[in-house]
């Protein structure tokens, strides 16, 4: 794990110590738990999974193979006069 140095108001520090004591955990663990709720450990993997889900909900639906160039640009073409 990495080391984190904080500069905080003494009143906030005392309140945080009391909260950690109330929860029967260390102050370090309280900070870790709090940061973990704000920033998940693996946000990229979670976001990637959601992106794949959104892509499969799109116009083309679930695709098991790469699209051809013609399929990709089919909606972008229009009859020319």
C-alpha atoms as a PDB file:
ATOM      1  CA  UNK A   1       0.000   0.000   0.000  1.00  0.00           C
ATOM      2  CA  UNK A   2       0.987   3.593  -0.498  1.00  0.00           C
ATOM      3  CA  UNK A   3       1.518   6.177   2.214  1.00  0.00           C
ATOM      4  CA  UNK A   4      -0.753   9.216   2.330  1.00  0.00           C
ATOM      5  CA  UNK A   5       0.030  12.400   4.253  1.00  0.00           C
ATOM      6  CA  UNK A   6      -2.877  14.689   5.094  1.00  0.00           C
ATOM      7  CA  UNK A   7      -3.119  18.148   6.541  1.00  0.00           C
ATOM      8  CA  UNK A   8      -6.526  18.598   8.156  1.00  0.00           C
ATOM      9  CA  UNK A   9      -8.194  20.738  10.768  1.00  0.00           C
ATOM     10  CA  UNK A  10      -7.528  19.445  14.311  1.00  0.00           C
ATOM     11  CA  UNK A  11     -11.251  19.394  15.085  1.00  0.00           C
ATOM     12  CA  UNK A  12     -11.928  17.185  12.076  1.00  0.00           C
ATOM     13  CA  UNK A  13      -9.081  14.891  13.117  1.00  0.00           C
ATOM     14  CA  UNK A  14     -10.518  14.486  16.609  1.00  0.00           C
ATOM     15  CA  UNK A  15     -13.994  13.818  15.213  1.00  0.00           C
ATOM     16  CA  UNK A  16     -12.535  11.229  12.833  1.00  0.00           C
ATOM     17  CA  UNK A  17     -10.666   9.535  15.693  1.00  0.00           C
ATOM     18  CA  UNK A  18     -13.884   9.359  17.720  1.00  0.00           C
ATOM     19  CA  UNK A  19     -15.747   7.898  14.727  1.00  0.00           C
ATOM     20  CA  UNK A  20     -13.042   5.285  14.188  1.00  0.00           C
ATOM     21  CA  UNK A  21     -13.170   4.386  17.872  1.00  0.00           C
ATOM     22  CA  UNK A  22     -16.953   4.121  17.747  1.00  0.00           C
ATOM     23  CA  UNK A  23     -16.652   1.722  14.781  1.00  0.00           C
ATOM     24  CA  UNK A  24     -13.829  -0.134  16.539  1.00  0.00           C
ATOM     25  CA  UNK A  25     -11.419   0.338  13.646  1.00  0.00           C
ATOM     26  CA  UNK A  26      -8.217   2.296  13.173  1.00  0.00           C
ATOM     27  CA  UNK A  27      -8.171   5.799  11.801  1.00  0.00           C
ATOM     28  CA  UNK A  28      -6.263   4.454   8.790  1.00  0.00           C
ATOM     29  CA  UNK A  29      -9.027   1.934   8.117  1.00  0.00           C
ATOM     30  CA  UNK A  30     -11.666   4.662   8.426  1.00  0.00           C
ATOM     31  CA  UNK A  31      -9.864   6.728   5.788  1.00  0.00           C
ATOM     32  CA  UNK A  32      -9.457   3.679   3.521  1.00  0.00           C
ATOM     33  CA  UNK A  33     -13.138   2.745   3.899  1.00  0.00           C
ATOM     34  CA  UNK A  34     -14.248   6.309   3.194  1.00  0.00           C
ATOM     35  CA  UNK A  35     -12.074   6.655   0.101  1.00  0.00           C
ATOM     36  CA  UNK A  36     -13.172   3.254  -1.165  1.00  0.00           C
ATOM     37  CA  UNK A  37     -16.817   4.359  -1.126  1.00  0.00           C
ATOM     38  CA  UNK A  38     -15.908   7.383  -3.230  1.00  0.00           C
ATOM     39  CA  UNK A  39     -13.494   5.666  -5.622  1.00  0.00           C
ATOM     40  CA  UNK A  40     -14.078   1.955  -6.228  1.00  0.00           C
ATOM     41  CA  UNK A  41     -10.951  -0.203  -6.370  1.00  0.00           C
ATOM     42  CA  UNK A  42     -11.393  -1.116 -10.057  1.00  0.00           C
ATOM     43  CA  UNK A  43     -13.444   1.645 -11.689  1.00  0.00           C
ATOM     44  CA  UNK A  44     -12.032   0.942 -15.145  1.00  0.00           C
ATOM     45  CA  UNK A  45     -13.205  -2.669 -15.220  1.00  0.00           C
ATOM     46  CA  UNK A  46     -16.647  -1.659 -13.974  1.00  0.00           C
ATOM     47  CA  UNK A  47     -16.917   1.126 -16.545  1.00  0.00           C
ATOM     48  CA  UNK A  48     -15.726  -1.167 -19.335  1.00  0.00           C
ATOM     49  CA  UNK A  49     -18.407  -3.729 -18.481  1.00  0.00           C
ATOM     50  CA  UNK A  50     -21.094  -1.009 -18.509  1.00  0.00           C
ATOM     51  CA  UNK A  51     -19.809   0.270 -21.860  1.00  0.00           C
ATOM     52  CA  UNK A  52     -20.097  -3.213 -23.363  1.00  0.00           C
ATOM     53  CA  UNK A  53     -23.646  -3.508 -22.004  1.00  0.00           C
ATOM     54  CA  UNK A  54     -24.604  -0.170 -23.566  1.00  0.00           C
ATOM     55  CA  UNK A  55     -23.044  -1.141 -26.891  1.00  0.00           C
ATOM     56  CA  UNK A  56     -25.063  -4.378 -26.953  1.00  0.00           C
ATOM     57  CA  UNK A  57     -28.266  -2.408 -26.273  1.00  0.00           C
ATOM     58  CA  UNK A  58     -27.622  -0.254 -29.349  1.00  0.00           C
ATOM     59  CA  UNK A  59     -29.241  -0.335 -32.762  1.00  0.00           C
ATOM     60  CA  UNK A  60     -27.359  -3.412 -33.907  1.00  0.00           C
ATOM     61  CA  UNK A  61     -27.905  -5.414 -30.717  1.00  0.00           C
ATOM     62  CA  UNK A  62     -25.442  -8.064 -29.573  1.00  0.00           C
ATOM     63  CA  UNK A  63     -22.734  -8.690 -32.160  1.00  0.00           C
ATOM     64  CA  UNK A  64     -20.581 -11.838 -32.034  1.00  0.00           C
ATOM     65  CA  UNK A  65     -18.254 -10.838 -34.858  1.00  0.00           C
ATOM     66  CA  UNK A  66     -16.508  -7.692 -36.052  1.00  0.00           C
ATOM     67  CA  UNK A  67     -18.597  -5.529 -38.361  1.00  0.00           C
ATOM     68  CA  UNK A  68     -17.605  -5.058 -41.984  1.00  0.00           C
ATOM     69  CA  UNK A  69     -16.923  -1.607 -43.339  1.00  0.00           C
ATOM     70  CA  UNK A  70     -20.200  -1.731 -45.259  1.00  0.00           C
ATOM     71  CA  UNK A  71     -22.161  -2.570 -42.098  1.00  0.00           C
ATOM     72  CA  UNK A  72     -20.517   0.233 -40.135  1.00  0.00           C
ATOM     73  CA  UNK A  73     -21.320   2.883 -42.736  1.00  0.00           C
ATOM     74  CA  UNK A  74     -24.727   1.544 -43.877  1.00  0.00           C
ATOM     75  CA  UNK A  75     -26.666   4.087 -41.824  1.00  0.00           C
ATOM     76  CA  UNK A  76     -24.482   6.950 -43.001  1.00  0.00           C
ATOM     77  CA  UNK A  77     -25.167   6.503 -46.681  1.00  0.00           C
ATOM     78  CA  UNK A  78     -28.055   8.060 -48.552  1.00  0.00           C
ATOM     79  CA  UNK A  79     -29.316   7.896 -52.104  1.00  0.00           C
ATOM     80  CA  UNK A  80     -27.519  10.291 -54.382  1.00  0.00           C
ATOM     81  CA  UNK A  81     -29.368  12.024 -57.164  1.00  0.00           C
END
